[in-house]
Amino acid sequence: MIFLWDEAWFAFASFGVNYKQRTAMFTASKLSEYYKSKEYKRKYTLHIKKLKDGERPTLPDPALVRVRVYATQSTHKTLSSFRQGSMIHIWDEDFRRKSESTFLEAYMTHTSTSPNYQMLASLDIGRRQVQFEGFEFVEKSIEMAMLLREKIVNSPQLNKYFDVLTVHNFIPNNRRESGLQEYYTKETGWNMMEEAWKQDEFVLDPTKITLCIGKTGVDGDTFKNKYLMDKFGIQINKTSRNTVLFMTNIGTTKGSVSYLIKALLNISDELDDELRSLNKKELELHEKRIHSLMKDVPPLPDFSYFHSSFQAVPGVPGGDIRSAYYLAYDENNYEYILLEDCLEAMNSGRVLVASTFLIPYPPGFPVLVPGQVISKEIINFMLALDVGEVHGYNSKLGMRIFKEKVLKRDQINSSIAGIAKIK
């Protein structure tokens, strides 16, 4: 049972009681112990007895199952280390027998033979720091996150323009067995997260505070640069069309939370002044902008499917992105089409297949991947977007799609092979 985990922003999690339960290494240990237990062996034996002729077991055989887990962590993001300091954690019951030499060869291929010892030293110091004080630091970072929520929720001035999105905004009811709605409200105060983190399939990390800013009439990218960075020197990484994301970590103090609150108050006062200076027409435009940010959200499309020529296994939904990606290295294999021409081409019966990743920024998630069929929903989403940039899209040339000859290459190759066989 092989799992590859990306814990980029989760390096601190091993030092929190609730967080730890959802880390790769803790889970790997738990799985390994479970599959070796007498309880599981009895369960598996009973499962086998209930199978009908021809049925395959859906539980792993305890005599054969092996737990193999790899997790990457960007230590520098949430713990102490120099920039780019990262770690790979391994729980692999077959590491020595199957993976060690291959893993080390791959690792040495992608790293320098003259390592930066200052960076390695910083990782050692960071590890030692949390070994001694990690649990206290993580508890403090949660406390600072809760404090920030409380200050924003309880401020009438901030409520005019900002809303803290919380548990029920992100996680559907049927995925929250605990019934927890949010961490803090004016009416009930604090709600304990411990039960939710034990029971619920999905949880909200309290150290991640998503602030909805749609009521300001300003999009996330502009808010980040024009207000937070340029005026207050506050750097954030994650934005969306109508949100910005704040994160507390082991270095967050009450002073830094107070500075952020003060900055938000100054911004809200400035917005008050701007609103008072608007004439009737300008005010109408401002209200339309707010409506666009808060209500007219572009319809997020579902993943369509991979074209049949890029299916990894015929009849199975998964796709062969690798082949599609490298076929696009040859400029003779693709062409461009403008977004506004896509729907007309689809209506005429043509199947459009992406030859590259298409990634609107913010937030920076792919809408299309190589080999994926482009749907009408995806085109309507792209036409409704008003973000600053879209990686993989050229505004003058359009979107890169595969030519028909590429999509029919298997048929062409089969025909050529058939003709050669007849000859």
Protein backbone atom coordinates (compact mmCIF):
# COMPACT_ATOMS: atom_id res chain seq x y z
CA MET A 1 0.00 0.00 0.00
CA ILE A 2 1.91 2.99 -1.34
CA PHE A 3 1.08 6.56 -0.31
CA LEU A 4 2.85 9.74 -1.43
CA TRP A 5 2.00 12.69 0.84
CA ASP A 6 2.73 16.36 0.25
CA GLU A 7 2.91 18.01 3.66
CA ALA A 8 4.43 21.25 2.36
CA TRP A 9 2.66 23.53 4.87
CA PHE A 10 2.22 20.83 7.52
CA ALA A 11 5.73 20.34 8.91
CA PHE A 12 4.59 21.63 12.32
CA ALA A 13 1.81 19.03 12.60
CA SER A 14 3.82 16.40 14.47
CA PHE A 15 3.91 18.79 17.43
CA GLY A 16 0.18 19.18 17.97
CA VAL A 17 -2.01 16.50 19.53
CA ASN A 18 -4.85 16.97 17.03
CA TYR A 19 -2.65 17.64 14.02
CA LYS A 20 -0.41 14.64 14.63
CA GLN A 21 -3.21 12.16 13.99
CA ARG A 22 -3.40 13.34 10.36
CA THR A 23 0.28 13.22 9.47
CA ALA A 24 1.80 10.70 7.08
CA MET A 25 4.21 9.12 9.55
CA PHE A 26 1.64 8.75 12.34
CA THR A 27 -0.88 7.22 9.95
CA ALA A 28 1.71 4.86 8.44
CA SER A 29 2.62 3.61 11.90
CA LYS A 30 -1.03 3.17 12.78
CA LEU A 31 -1.79 1.26 9.55
CA SER A 32 1.21 -1.00 9.96
CA GLU A 33 0.23 -1.85 13.51
CA TYR A 34 -3.40 -2.41 12.53
CA TYR A 35 -2.67 -4.87 9.71
CA LYS A 36 -0.42 -6.91 12.03
CA SER A 37 -3.02 -7.08 14.80
CA LYS A 38 -5.00 -10.19 15.76
CA GLU A 39 -8.18 -8.11 15.44
CA TYR A 40 -7.52 -7.43 11.76
CA LYS A 41 -6.55 -11.05 11.05
CA ARG A 42 -9.89 -12.20 12.48
CA LYS A 43 -11.69 -9.58 10.40
CA TYR A 44 -9.91 -10.69 7.23
CA THR A 45 -10.63 -14.40 7.90
CA LEU A 46 -14.34 -13.62 8.36
CA HIS A 47 -14.29 -11.52 5.18
CA ILE A 48 -12.81 -14.41 3.17
CA LYS A 49 -15.40 -16.86 4.47
CA LYS A 50 -18.25 -14.61 3.31
CA LEU A 51 -16.96 -14.35 -0.27
CA LYS A 52 -18.96 -16.12 -2.96
CA ASP A 53 -17.35 -18.14 -5.73
CA GLY A 54 -15.42 -15.89 -8.11
CA GLU A 55 -15.50 -12.87 -5.79
CA ARG A 56 -12.23 -11.15 -5.01
CA PRO A 57 -11.41 -9.96 -1.48
CA THR A 58 -11.67 -6.21 -0.95
CA LEU A 59 -9.47 -6.25 2.16
CA PRO A 60 -5.68 -6.66 1.99
CA ASP A 61 -4.21 -10.00 3.02
CA PRO A 62 -2.46 -9.47 6.41
CA ALA A 63 0.21 -11.98 5.39
CA LEU A 64 1.08 -9.93 2.29
CA VAL A 65 0.23 -6.29 3.00
CA ARG A 66 3.16 -3.86 3.22
CA VAL A 67 2.80 -0.21 4.21
CA ARG A 68 5.01 2.14 2.18
CA VAL A 69 4.62 5.87 2.87
CA TYR A 70 6.71 8.83 1.67
CA ALA A 71 6.06 12.42 2.78
CA THR A 72 7.72 15.65 1.70
CA GLN A 73 7.78 18.69 3.99
CA SER A 74 8.79 22.27 3.29
CA THR A 75 10.33 22.78 6.71
CA HIS A 76 11.13 26.44 5.98
CA LYS A 77 7.44 27.30 5.54
CA THR A 78 6.15 26.50 9.03
CA LEU A 79 9.20 25.65 11.15
CA SER A 80 12.67 27.18 11.54
CA SER A 81 15.19 26.73 8.72
CA PHE A 82 16.85 28.67 5.95
CA ARG A 83 14.84 29.28 2.79
CA GLN A 84 14.19 26.09 0.76
CA GLY A 85 15.11 23.85 3.70
CA SER A 86 12.98 20.73 3.25
CA MET A 87 12.77 17.12 4.41
CA ILE A 88 11.59 13.78 3.07
CA HIS A 89 10.11 11.41 5.66
CA ILE A 90 9.92 7.69 4.92
CA TRP A 91 7.95 4.82 6.45
CA ASP A 92 8.54 1.97 4.04
CA GLU A 93 8.52 -1.63 5.23
CA ASP A 94 10.25 -2.60 1.97
CA PHE A 95 12.70 0.29 1.80
CA ARG A 96 15.95 -1.67 2.20
CA ARG A 97 14.78 -4.53 0.00
CA LYS A 98 13.14 -2.60 -2.85
CA SER A 99 13.72 1.14 -2.76
CA GLU A 100 16.88 2.23 -1.01
CA SER A 101 19.33 2.21 -3.93
CA THR A 102 16.80 3.62 -6.42
CA PHE A 103 15.68 6.31 -3.99
CA LEU A 104 19.23 7.41 -3.20
CA GLU A 105 20.14 7.47 -6.90
CA ALA A 106 17.13 9.65 -7.69
CA TYR A 107 17.86 11.89 -4.72
CA MET A 108 21.49 12.42 -5.73
CA THR A 109 20.42 13.13 -9.31
CA HIS A 110 18.35 16.09 -8.16
CA THR A 111 20.61 17.52 -5.48
CA SER A 112 24.11 18.90 -5.41
CA THR A 113 27.12 16.78 -4.54
CA SER A 114 28.36 19.83 -2.60
CA PRO A 115 25.43 20.39 -0.22
CA ASN A 116 24.82 23.68 1.46
CA TYR A 117 25.92 22.84 4.98
CA GLN A 118 24.43 26.06 6.35
CA MET A 119 21.00 24.91 5.15
CA LEU A 120 21.51 21.43 6.61
CA ALA A 121 22.63 22.98 9.89
CA SER A 122 19.50 25.14 9.97
CA LEU A 123 17.36 22.03 9.50
CA ASP A 124 19.13 20.35 12.41
CA ILE A 125 18.59 23.40 14.61
CA GLY A 126 14.93 23.62 13.57
CA ARG A 127 14.42 19.94 14.41
CA ARG A 128 16.08 20.39 17.80
CA GLN A 129 14.00 23.49 18.53
CA VAL A 130 10.66 21.73 18.06
CA GLN A 131 11.92 18.63 19.84
CA PHE A 132 12.25 20.78 22.97
CA GLU A 133 9.48 23.35 22.54
CA GLY A 134 7.39 22.24 19.55
CA PHE A 135 4.13 21.51 21.35
CA GLU A 136 4.19 24.86 23.14
CA PHE A 137 4.97 26.73 19.90
CA VAL A 138 2.17 25.05 17.94
CA GLU A 139 -0.36 25.70 20.74
CA LYS A 140 0.65 29.37 20.68
CA SER A 141 0.20 29.57 16.91
CA ILE A 142 -3.34 28.16 17.27
CA GLU A 143 -4.00 30.68 20.05
CA MET A 144 -2.85 33.55 17.83
CA ALA A 145 -5.08 32.32 14.97
CA MET A 146 -8.10 32.19 17.30
CA LEU A 147 -7.25 35.64 18.63
CA LEU A 148 -7.18 37.03 15.09
CA ARG A 149 -10.59 35.48 14.37
CA GLU A 150 -12.03 36.94 17.56
CA LYS A 151 -10.75 40.47 16.85
CA ILE A 152 -12.20 40.52 13.32
CA VAL A 153 -15.55 38.96 14.24
CA ASN A 154 -16.08 41.34 17.18
CA SER A 155 -15.17 44.56 15.33
CA PRO A 156 -18.16 46.41 13.76
CA GLN A 157 -15.75 48.47 11.66
CA LEU A 158 -14.06 45.37 10.21
CA ASN A 159 -17.39 43.56 9.73
CA LYS A 160 -18.37 46.19 7.16
CA TYR A 161 -15.81 44.87 4.69
CA PHE A 162 -14.38 41.58 5.95
CA ASP A 163 -15.76 38.14 6.84
CA VAL A 164 -13.75 35.27 8.30
CA LEU A 165 -14.74 32.15 6.38
CA THR A 166 -15.03 29.18 8.67
CA VAL A 167 -15.73 25.45 8.90
CA HIS A 168 -19.20 25.33 7.34
CA ASN A 169 -18.10 27.57 4.44
CA PHE A 170 -15.57 24.97 3.31
CA ILE A 171 -16.82 21.56 4.40
CA PRO A 172 -20.24 20.08 3.47
CA ASN A 173 -22.50 18.97 6.33
CA ASN A 174 -22.25 15.29 5.41
CA ARG A 175 -18.45 15.46 5.89
CA ARG A 176 -18.71 16.97 9.37
CA GLU A 177 -19.92 14.18 11.63
CA SER A 178 -19.25 16.30 14.71
CA GLY A 179 -21.63 19.00 13.50
CA LEU A 180 -19.08 21.76 14.25
CA GLN A 181 -20.02 24.90 12.31
CA GLU A 182 -17.25 27.31 13.24
CA TYR A 183 -14.51 27.86 15.78
CA TYR A 184 -15.74 31.18 17.17
CA THR A 185 -19.00 33.18 17.22
CA LYS A 186 -20.09 36.26 19.13
CA GLU A 187 -23.03 34.35 20.61
CA THR A 188 -21.42 31.11 21.75
CA GLY A 189 -17.76 32.10 21.99
CA TRP A 190 -15.18 29.37 21.41
CA ASN A 191 -16.09 25.95 20.09
CA MET A 192 -13.70 23.10 20.79
CA MET A 193 -12.03 21.63 17.74
CA GLU A 194 -10.79 18.42 19.39
CA GLU A 195 -13.91 16.34 18.74
CA ALA A 196 -14.14 17.54 15.14
CA TRP A 197 -10.53 16.57 14.47
CA LYS A 198 -11.17 13.11 15.91
CA GLN A 199 -14.45 12.40 14.10
CA ASP A 200 -14.75 14.42 10.90
CA GLU A 201 -13.46 13.21 7.56
CA PHE A 202 -12.43 16.76 6.61
CA VAL A 203 -11.35 19.52 8.98
CA LEU A 204 -10.30 23.14 8.82
CA ASP A 205 -6.82 23.95 10.09
CA PRO A 206 -7.38 26.84 12.54
CA THR A 207 -3.96 28.34 11.74
CA LYS A 208 -5.23 29.11 8.21
CA ILE A 209 -7.52 32.18 8.28
CA THR A 210 -9.37 32.87 5.03
CA LEU A 211 -10.63 36.45 4.89
CA CYS A 212 -13.43 37.21 2.42
CA ILE A 213 -12.83 40.73 1.07
CA GLY A 214 -15.53 40.89 -1.62
CA LYS A 215 -17.41 43.66 0.20
CA THR A 216 -14.44 45.99 -0.35
CA GLY A 217 -15.02 45.88 -4.12
CA VAL A 218 -11.37 44.91 -4.56
CA ASP A 219 -10.14 41.56 -5.85
CA GLY A 220 -7.69 39.44 -3.86
CA ASP A 221 -4.60 40.14 -5.94
CA THR A 222 -5.13 43.92 -5.85
CA PHE A 223 -5.84 43.81 -2.11
CA LYS A 224 -2.62 41.89 -1.53
CA ASN A 225 -0.41 44.26 -3.53
CA LYS A 226 -2.04 47.70 -3.30
CA TYR A 227 -3.10 47.58 0.33
CA LEU A 228 -1.29 44.93 2.39
CA MET A 229 2.13 44.97 0.73
CA ASP A 230 2.54 48.54 -0.55
CA LYS A 231 1.05 50.29 2.47
CA PHE A 232 1.85 48.01 5.39
CA GLY A 233 4.61 45.67 4.24
CA ILE A 234 2.47 42.60 4.93
CA GLN A 235 3.39 39.70 2.65
CA ILE A 236 0.90 36.93 1.88
CA ASN A 237 1.09 34.21 -0.75
CA LYS A 238 -2.42 32.89 -1.29
CA THR A 239 -5.28 34.88 -2.78
CA SER A 240 -8.42 34.13 -4.77
CA ARG A 241 -10.83 36.36 -6.62
CA ASN A 242 -12.48 37.51 -3.38
CA THR A 243 -10.33 36.14 -0.53
CA VAL A 244 -6.89 36.42 1.01
CA LEU A 245 -5.32 33.79 3.25
CA PHE A 246 -3.47 34.56 6.47
CA MET A 247 -1.47 31.91 8.32
CA THR A 248 -0.10 31.88 11.83
CA ASN A 249 3.04 29.89 12.63
CA ILE A 250 5.46 29.25 15.48
CA GLY A 251 6.89 32.76 15.04
CA THR A 252 3.56 34.64 15.24
CA THR A 253 3.24 36.96 18.25
CA LYS A 254 0.46 39.08 19.74
CA GLY A 255 2.32 42.06 18.36
CA SER A 256 2.12 40.79 14.78
CA VAL A 257 -1.60 39.99 15.18
CA SER A 258 -2.18 43.51 16.56
CA TYR A 259 -0.29 45.02 13.62
CA LEU A 260 -2.44 43.10 11.14
CA ILE A 261 -5.66 44.18 12.90
CA LYS A 262 -4.46 47.79 12.87
CA ALA A 263 -3.70 47.52 9.15
CA LEU A 264 -7.17 46.14 8.41
CA LEU A 265 -8.77 48.92 10.47
CA ASN A 266 -6.78 51.55 8.56
CA ILE A 267 -7.85 49.96 5.26
CA SER A 268 -11.51 49.95 6.32
CA ASP A 269 -11.26 53.63 7.36
CA GLU A 270 -9.71 54.44 3.97
CA LEU A 271 -12.53 52.58 2.20
CA ASP A 272 -15.06 54.61 4.21
CA ASP A 273 -13.42 57.83 2.98
CA GLU A 274 -13.41 56.60 -0.62
CA LEU A 275 -17.10 55.66 -0.48
CA ARG A 276 -18.06 59.07 0.89
CA SER A 277 -16.30 60.75 -2.04
CA LEU A 278 -18.08 58.74 -4.76
CA ASN A 279 -20.83 60.32 -6.85
CA LYS A 280 -24.05 58.46 -7.65
CA LYS A 281 -22.73 56.85 -10.85
CA GLU A 282 -19.44 55.82 -9.24
CA LEU A 283 -21.36 54.32 -6.32
CA GLU A 284 -23.45 52.23 -8.74
CA LEU A 285 -20.28 50.91 -10.38
CA HIS A 286 -18.83 50.11 -6.95
CA GLU A 287 -21.97 48.15 -5.99
CA LYS A 288 -21.81 46.24 -9.28
CA ARG A 289 -18.20 45.34 -8.57
CA ILE A 290 -19.14 44.01 -5.12
CA HIS A 291 -22.00 42.03 -6.64
CA SER A 292 -19.61 40.59 -9.21
CA LEU A 293 -17.11 39.53 -6.54
CA MET A 294 -19.67 38.13 -4.09
CA LYS A 295 -22.49 36.79 -6.26
CA ASP A 296 -21.41 36.43 -9.89
CA VAL A 297 -18.74 33.87 -9.09
CA PRO A 298 -17.51 32.08 -12.23
CA PRO A 299 -19.05 28.58 -12.36
CA LEU A 300 -16.22 26.27 -11.31
CA PRO A 301 -16.21 23.39 -13.81
CA ASP A 302 -15.74 19.73 -12.98
CA PHE A 303 -12.89 17.75 -14.51
CA SER A 304 -14.08 16.52 -17.91
CA TYR A 305 -12.17 13.41 -19.03
CA PHE A 306 -9.05 12.35 -20.87
CA HIS A 307 -9.28 11.85 -24.61
CA SER A 308 -9.37 8.16 -25.58
CA SER A 309 -5.93 8.47 -27.22
CA PHE A 310 -4.49 9.55 -23.86
CA GLN A 311 -6.11 7.01 -21.58
CA ALA A 312 -3.53 5.14 -19.55
CA VAL A 313 -5.67 1.98 -19.58
CA PRO A 314 -8.56 1.59 -22.07
CA GLY A 315 -11.89 1.93 -20.29
CA VAL A 316 -10.34 3.34 -17.10
CA PRO A 317 -10.87 7.09 -16.34
CA GLY A 318 -7.21 7.84 -15.53
CA GLY A 319 -5.04 9.48 -18.18
CA ASP A 320 -1.53 9.34 -19.59
CA ILE A 321 -0.46 12.92 -18.94
CA ARG A 322 3.21 12.10 -19.59
CA SER A 323 2.65 11.16 -23.25
CA ALA A 324 0.48 14.23 -23.84
CA TYR A 325 3.02 16.51 -22.17
CA TYR A 326 5.97 15.33 -24.25
CA LEU A 327 4.04 15.20 -27.53
CA ALA A 328 3.53 18.95 -27.11
CA TYR A 329 7.31 19.44 -27.28
CA ASP A 330 6.94 19.13 -31.06
CA GLU A 331 5.34 22.32 -32.38
CA ASN A 332 3.95 20.37 -35.34
CA ASN A 333 1.64 18.50 -32.97
CA TYR A 334 -0.38 21.45 -31.72
CA GLU A 335 -2.18 24.60 -32.87
CA TYR A 336 -3.81 27.59 -31.22
CA ILE A 337 -7.46 28.50 -30.83
CA LEU A 338 -8.93 31.64 -29.24
CA LEU A 339 -11.30 31.16 -26.32
CA GLU A 340 -14.12 32.94 -28.14
CA ASP A 341 -13.81 30.48 -31.04
CA CYS A 342 -13.89 27.32 -28.91
CA LEU A 343 -17.66 27.03 -28.46
CA GLU A 344 -18.27 27.44 -32.19
CA ALA A 345 -15.71 24.70 -32.93
CA MET A 346 -17.34 22.39 -30.36
CA ASN A 347 -20.82 23.03 -31.76
CA SER A 348 -19.55 21.99 -35.18
CA GLY A 349 -18.59 18.62 -33.70
CA ARG A 350 -14.86 19.07 -33.12
CA VAL A 351 -13.29 17.61 -29.98
CA LEU A 352 -10.73 19.99 -28.47
CA VAL A 353 -7.93 18.47 -26.38
CA ALA A 354 -5.50 20.53 -24.28
CA SER A 355 -1.81 20.11 -25.05
CA THR A 356 -0.59 22.01 -22.00
CA PHE A 357 -1.56 23.02 -18.48
CA LEU A 358 -3.97 25.95 -18.23
CA ILE A 359 -3.66 27.62 -14.81
CA PRO A 360 -5.49 30.83 -13.80
CA TYR A 361 -3.59 32.82 -11.19
CA PRO A 362 -4.83 33.39 -8.57
CA PRO A 363 -5.42 30.81 -7.19
CA GLY A 364 -2.94 28.79 -9.29
CA PHE A 365 -4.78 25.48 -9.80
CA PRO A 366 -4.96 23.78 -13.22
CA VAL A 367 -8.25 24.05 -15.10
CA LEU A 368 -6.85 21.87 -17.90
CA VAL A 369 -4.05 19.32 -18.04
CA PRO A 370 -2.35 17.82 -21.12
CA GLY A 371 -4.57 15.22 -22.78
CA GLN A 372 -7.81 16.48 -21.19
CA VAL A 373 -10.88 17.10 -23.34
CA ILE A 374 -12.03 20.72 -23.15
CA SER A 375 -15.70 21.00 -22.13
CA LYS A 376 -18.15 23.85 -22.70
CA GLU A 377 -18.29 24.37 -18.93
CA ILE A 378 -14.53 24.95 -18.86
CA ILE A 379 -14.72 27.48 -21.69
CA ASN A 380 -17.61 29.35 -19.99
CA PHE A 381 -15.54 29.42 -16.79
CA MET A 382 -12.52 30.83 -18.63
CA LEU A 383 -14.64 33.48 -20.37
CA ALA A 384 -16.08 34.58 -17.01
CA LEU A 385 -12.67 34.87 -15.31
CA ASP A 386 -11.23 38.28 -14.56
CA VAL A 387 -7.92 37.31 -12.93
CA GLY A 388 -4.57 38.91 -13.70
CA GLU A 389 -2.89 36.06 -15.58
CA VAL A 390 -3.52 32.59 -16.96
CA HIS A 391 -0.44 30.38 -17.30
CA GLY A 392 -0.59 28.40 -20.54
CA TYR A 393 -2.84 30.89 -22.36
CA ASN A 394 -1.55 33.41 -24.89
CA SER A 395 -4.00 36.31 -25.19
CA LYS A 396 -2.96 36.96 -28.80
CA LEU A 397 -2.73 33.38 -30.05
CA GLY A 398 -5.18 31.62 -27.76
CA MET A 399 -5.12 28.17 -26.16
CA ARG A 400 -2.83 25.35 -27.30
CA ILE A 401 -4.69 22.24 -28.48
CA PHE A 402 -3.60 19.05 -30.20
CA LYS A 403 -4.04 18.67 -33.95
CA GLU A 404 -6.36 15.97 -35.25
CA LYS A 405 -3.45 13.86 -36.49
CA VAL A 406 -2.20 13.49 -32.90
CA LEU A 407 -5.58 12.36 -31.60
CA LYS A 408 -5.84 9.79 -34.40
CA ARG A 409 -2.24 8.64 -34.23
CA ASP A 410 -3.16 5.19 -32.86
CA GLN A 411 -5.57 4.61 -35.73
CA ILE A 412 -2.98 5.77 -38.26
CA ASN A 413 -0.26 3.57 -36.74
CA SER A 414 -2.64 0.58 -36.74
CA SER A 415 -3.48 1.16 -40.41
CA ILE A 416 0.19 1.40 -41.36
CA ALA A 417 0.95 -1.79 -39.43
CA GLY A 418 -1.95 -3.55 -41.18
CA ILE A 419 -0.75 -2.49 -44.64
CA ALA A 420 2.80 -3.63 -43.81
CA LYS A 421 1.45 -7.00 -42.67
CA ILE A 422 -0.53 -7.49 -45.92
CA LYS A 423 2.54 -6.67 -48.01
